[in-house]
Amino acid sequence: MRSEPLRRAVSPLLATVMLMAITIAAGLVIYSLFFNAAGTASSQLSIHVISVDIIRTSSTILVSATIKNSGNKPITSCNVTVYGDSGSATLQLGPIDVGQSKSASVMDPSGFSVTVGKTYPVEIRARASDGSALHKSMVAPCTG
């Protein structure tokens, strides 16, 4: 009778250590994937409108705006457009770093007219380098 060679199994201690190592490695991979995805998802484009002013005197119209980047992504471009009785005035604020504020103003925009005491629609558009965009609408009063 011919007997088969004895096969030796992995010892229970070594098997336990191997299973623990595989479990820990898998847990670290899942942890890393989750927190990378969560970090990307929590990255947001957000602004705070500090002021939008429309001022009309007897001879001049001044439109100004101050915007703060309250998100955690740098803004690469930001435009504020005020729509008047006729025409519109657009302020280009450009890039705004995280936590920073930026202001712009224009005096006597061409073809733009407003009336003291009325409110006018304002659109604010911001864009980040990753292509995400933010659009905010509000109204601003004209003072004199």
C-alpha atoms as a PDB file:
ATOM      1  CA  MET A   1       0.000   0.000   0.000  1.00  0.00           C
ATOM      2  CA  ARG A   2       1.270   3.345  -0.920  1.00  0.00           C
ATOM      3  CA  SER A   3       0.612   6.225   1.433  1.00  0.00           C
ATOM      4  CA  GLU A   4       0.287   9.808   0.397  1.00  0.00           C
ATOM      5  CA  PRO A   5       2.863  12.236   1.725  1.00  0.00           C
ATOM      6  CA  LEU A   6       1.756  14.105   4.777  1.00  0.00           C
ATOM      7  CA  ARG A   7       0.679  17.663   4.142  1.00  0.00           C
ATOM      8  CA  ARG A   8       1.334  20.100   6.818  1.00  0.00           C
ATOM      9  CA  ALA A   9      -1.151  22.893   7.426  1.00  0.00           C
ATOM     10  CA  VAL A  10      -0.368  26.411   8.516  1.00  0.00           C
ATOM     11  CA  SER A  11      -0.283  26.640  12.256  1.00  0.00           C
ATOM     12  CA  PRO A  12      -3.335  28.229  13.904  1.00  0.00           C
ATOM     13  CA  LEU A  13      -1.181  31.043  15.328  1.00  0.00           C
ATOM     14  CA  LEU A  14       0.291  31.945  11.930  1.00  0.00           C
ATOM     15  CA  ALA A  15      -3.180  31.771  10.311  1.00  0.00           C
ATOM     16  CA  THR A  16      -4.560  34.155  12.942  1.00  0.00           C
ATOM     17  CA  VAL A  17      -1.705  36.631  12.407  1.00  0.00           C
ATOM     18  CA  MET A  18      -2.205  36.497   8.615  1.00  0.00           C
ATOM     19  CA  LEU A  19      -5.967  37.085   8.914  1.00  0.00           C
ATOM     20  CA  MET A  20      -5.412  40.025  11.254  1.00  0.00           C
ATOM     21  CA  ALA A  21      -2.879  41.575   8.855  1.00  0.00           C
ATOM     22  CA  ILE A  22      -5.268  41.212   5.899  1.00  0.00           C
ATOM     23  CA  THR A  23      -8.144  42.706   7.925  1.00  0.00           C
ATOM     24  CA  ILE A  24      -6.058  45.687   9.075  1.00  0.00           C
ATOM     25  CA  ALA A  25      -4.773  46.338   5.532  1.00  0.00           C
ATOM     26  CA  ALA A  26      -8.314  46.213   4.125  1.00  0.00           C
ATOM     27  CA  GLY A  27      -9.521  48.560   6.876  1.00  0.00           C
ATOM     28  CA  LEU A  28      -6.763  51.073   6.103  1.00  0.00           C
ATOM     29  CA  VAL A  29      -7.626  51.030   2.401  1.00  0.00           C
ATOM     30  CA  ILE A  30     -11.334  51.614   3.118  1.00  0.00           C
ATOM     31  CA  TYR A  31     -10.498  54.369   5.639  1.00  0.00           C
ATOM     32  CA  SER A  32      -8.265  56.124   3.121  1.00  0.00           C
ATOM     33  CA  LEU A  33     -10.833  55.920   0.318  1.00  0.00           C
ATOM     34  CA  PHE A  34     -13.636  57.177   2.549  1.00  0.00           C
ATOM     35  CA  PHE A  35     -11.777  60.190   3.916  1.00  0.00           C
ATOM     36  CA  ASN A  36     -10.411  61.174   0.494  1.00  0.00           C
ATOM     37  CA  ALA A  37     -13.962  61.080  -0.904  1.00  0.00           C
ATOM     38  CA  ALA A  38     -15.351  62.929   2.123  1.00  0.00           C
ATOM     39  CA  GLY A  39     -12.675  65.616   1.796  1.00  0.00           C
ATOM     40  CA  THR A  40     -13.528  66.134  -1.857  1.00  0.00           C
ATOM     41  CA  ALA A  41     -17.261  66.240  -1.148  1.00  0.00           C
ATOM     42  CA  SER A  42     -16.850  68.798   1.635  1.00  0.00           C
ATOM     43  CA  SER A  43     -14.840  71.121  -0.589  1.00  0.00           C
ATOM     44  CA  GLN A  44     -17.277  73.910  -1.388  1.00  0.00           C
ATOM     45  CA  LEU A  45     -17.560  77.153  -3.261  1.00  0.00           C
ATOM     46  CA  SER A  46     -19.315  79.744  -1.117  1.00  0.00           C
ATOM     47  CA  ILE A  47     -19.495  83.537  -0.995  1.00  0.00           C
ATOM     48  CA  HIS A  48     -20.743  86.127   1.453  1.00  0.00           C
ATOM     49  CA  VAL A  49     -22.016  89.391  -0.026  1.00  0.00           C
ATOM     50  CA  ILE A  50     -20.658  92.105   2.215  1.00  0.00           C
ATOM     51  CA  SER A  51     -22.189  94.956   0.217  1.00  0.00           C
ATOM     52  CA  VAL A  52     -23.654  95.964  -3.118  1.00  0.00           C
ATOM     53  CA  ASP A  53     -24.207  99.705  -3.407  1.00  0.00           C
ATOM     54  CA  ILE A  54     -25.911 101.727  -6.121  1.00  0.00           C
ATOM     55  CA  ILE A  55     -25.533 105.454  -5.525  1.00  0.00           C
ATOM     56  CA  ARG A  56     -26.955 108.137  -7.780  1.00  0.00           C
ATOM     57  CA  THR A  57     -26.245 111.831  -7.435  1.00  0.00           C
ATOM     58  CA  SER A  58     -27.395 114.583  -9.764  1.00  0.00           C
ATOM     59  CA  SER A  59     -24.481 113.966 -12.124  1.00  0.00           C
ATOM     60  CA  THR A  60     -22.978 110.560 -11.264  1.00  0.00           C
ATOM     61  CA  ILE A  61     -23.919 106.912 -10.823  1.00  0.00           C
ATOM     62  CA  LEU A  62     -21.612 104.739  -8.701  1.00  0.00           C
ATOM     63  CA  VAL A  63     -21.980 100.946  -8.481  1.00  0.00           C
ATOM     64  CA  SER A  64     -19.767  99.064  -6.030  1.00  0.00           C
ATOM     65  CA  ALA A  65     -19.627  95.592  -4.495  1.00  0.00           C
ATOM     66  CA  THR A  66     -17.610  93.751  -1.867  1.00  0.00           C
ATOM     67  CA  ILE A  67     -17.629  89.935  -1.866  1.00  0.00           C
ATOM     68  CA  LYS A  68     -15.967  87.539   0.611  1.00  0.00           C
ATOM     69  CA  ASN A  69     -14.905  83.995  -0.277  1.00  0.00           C
ATOM     70  CA  SER A  70     -16.457  82.103   2.653  1.00  0.00           C
ATOM     71  CA  GLY A  71     -15.914  78.644   1.138  1.00  0.00           C
ATOM     72  CA  ASN A  72     -12.817  76.470   1.164  1.00  0.00           C
ATOM     73  CA  LYS A  73     -11.989  76.709  -2.567  1.00  0.00           C
ATOM     74  CA  PRO A  74     -10.182  79.642  -4.166  1.00  0.00           C
ATOM     75  CA  ILE A  75     -12.381  81.612  -6.563  1.00  0.00           C
ATOM     76  CA  THR A  76     -10.758  82.144  -9.966  1.00  0.00           C
ATOM     77  CA  SER A  77     -13.320  84.647 -11.257  1.00  0.00           C
ATOM     78  CA  CYS A  78     -16.185  86.604  -9.744  1.00  0.00           C
ATOM     79  CA  ASN A  79     -18.547  88.982 -11.553  1.00  0.00           C
ATOM     80  CA  VAL A  80     -21.323  91.129 -10.098  1.00  0.00           C
ATOM     81  CA  THR A  81     -23.976  92.415 -12.525  1.00  0.00           C
ATOM     82  CA  VAL A  82     -26.559  95.040 -11.570  1.00  0.00           C
ATOM     83  CA  TYR A  83     -29.545  95.467 -13.911  1.00  0.00           C
ATOM     84  CA  GLY A  84     -30.841  99.050 -14.019  1.00  0.00           C
ATOM     85  CA  ASP A  85     -33.841 100.812 -15.541  1.00  0.00           C
ATOM     86  CA  SER A  86     -31.874 100.617 -18.766  1.00  0.00           C
ATOM     87  CA  GLY A  87     -28.642  98.723 -19.305  1.00  0.00           C
ATOM     88  CA  SER A  88     -26.535  96.867 -16.786  1.00  0.00           C
ATOM     89  CA  ALA A  89     -23.306  97.442 -14.891  1.00  0.00           C
ATOM     90  CA  THR A  90     -20.862  94.559 -14.486  1.00  0.00           C
ATOM     91  CA  LEU A  91     -18.073  94.554 -11.914  1.00  0.00           C
ATOM     92  CA  GLN A  92     -15.240  92.079 -12.441  1.00  0.00           C
ATOM     93  CA  LEU A  93     -13.675  91.224  -9.105  1.00  0.00           C
ATOM     94  CA  GLY A  94     -11.307  88.547 -10.470  1.00  0.00           C
ATOM     95  CA  PRO A  95      -9.774  85.880  -8.216  1.00  0.00           C
ATOM     96  CA  ILE A  96     -10.541  85.782  -4.479  1.00  0.00           C
ATOM     97  CA  ASP A  97      -8.534  83.570  -2.114  1.00  0.00           C
ATOM     98  CA  VAL A  98     -10.202  81.556   0.646  1.00  0.00           C
ATOM     99  CA  GLY A  99     -11.231  83.827   3.524  1.00  0.00           C
ATOM    100  CA  GLN A 100     -10.403  87.006   1.610  1.00  0.00           C
ATOM    101  CA  SER A 101     -12.678  89.857   0.482  1.00  0.00           C
ATOM    102  CA  LYS A 102     -12.471  91.835  -2.709  1.00  0.00           C
ATOM    103  CA  SER A 103     -14.148  95.046  -3.860  1.00  0.00           C
ATOM    104  CA  ALA A 104     -14.738  96.689  -7.208  1.00  0.00           C
ATOM    105  CA  SER A 105     -16.610  99.749  -8.394  1.00  0.00           C
ATOM    106  CA  VAL A 106     -17.562 101.480 -11.593  1.00  0.00           C
ATOM    107  CA  MET A 107     -18.546 105.093 -12.077  1.00  0.00           C
ATOM    108  CA  ASP A 108     -21.063 106.186 -14.732  1.00  0.00           C
ATOM    109  CA  PRO A 109     -21.409 102.867 -16.589  1.00  0.00           C
ATOM    110  CA  SER A 110     -22.269 103.418 -20.248  1.00  0.00           C
ATOM    111  CA  GLY A 111     -25.991 103.083 -21.028  1.00  0.00           C
ATOM    112  CA  PHE A 112     -26.878 102.402 -17.370  1.00  0.00           C
ATOM    113  CA  SER A 113     -29.586 104.362 -15.582  1.00  0.00           C
ATOM    114  CA  VAL A 114     -31.243 103.968 -12.186  1.00  0.00           C
ATOM    115  CA  THR A 115     -33.805 105.809 -10.059  1.00  0.00           C
ATOM    116  CA  VAL A 116     -33.210 106.721  -6.418  1.00  0.00           C
ATOM    117  CA  GLY A 117     -35.508 104.742  -4.105  1.00  0.00           C
ATOM    118  CA  LYS A 118     -35.998 101.734  -6.407  1.00  0.00           C
ATOM    119  CA  THR A 119     -34.429  98.317  -5.896  1.00  0.00           C
ATOM    120  CA  TYR A 120     -32.564  96.550  -8.685  1.00  0.00           C
ATOM    121  CA  PRO A 121     -31.731  92.908  -9.394  1.00  0.00           C
ATOM    122  CA  VAL A 122     -28.141  91.813  -8.822  1.00  0.00           C
ATOM    123  CA  GLU A 123     -26.512  88.605 -10.072  1.00  0.00           C
ATOM    124  CA  ILE A 124     -23.249  87.314  -8.654  1.00  0.00           C
ATOM    125  CA  ARG A 125     -21.370  84.565 -10.492  1.00  0.00           C
ATOM    126  CA  ALA A 126     -18.262  82.901  -9.097  1.00  0.00           C
ATOM    127  CA  ARG A 127     -16.163  80.093 -10.577  1.00  0.00           C
ATOM    128  CA  ALA A 128     -13.421  77.885  -9.102  1.00  0.00           C
ATOM    129  CA  SER A 129     -10.461  76.321 -10.913  1.00  0.00           C
ATOM    130  CA  ASP A 130     -12.077  72.849 -10.778  1.00  0.00           C
ATOM    131  CA  GLY A 131     -14.960  74.154 -12.920  1.00  0.00           C
ATOM    132  CA  SER A 132     -17.526  74.416 -10.130  1.00  0.00           C
ATOM    133  CA  ALA A 133     -19.689  77.523 -10.284  1.00  0.00           C
ATOM    134  CA  LEU A 134     -21.912  79.496  -7.943  1.00  0.00           C
ATOM    135  CA  HIS A 135     -24.776  81.802  -8.908  1.00  0.00           C
ATOM    136  CA  LYS A 136     -26.456  84.069  -6.382  1.00  0.00           C
ATOM    137  CA  SER A 137     -29.289  86.557  -6.965  1.00  0.00           C
ATOM    138  CA  MET A 138     -30.380  89.431  -4.754  1.00  0.00           C
ATOM    139  CA  VAL A 139     -31.682  92.979  -4.960  1.00  0.00           C
ATOM    140  CA  ALA A 140     -29.979  96.229  -4.005  1.00  0.00           C
ATOM    141  CA  PRO A 141     -31.548  99.649  -3.412  1.00  0.00           C
ATOM    142  CA  CYS A 142     -30.458 102.784  -5.202  1.00  0.00           C
ATOM    143  CA  THR A 143     -29.654 105.582  -2.780  1.00  0.00           C
ATOM    144  CA  GLY A 144     -28.945 109.214  -3.511  1.00  0.00           C
END
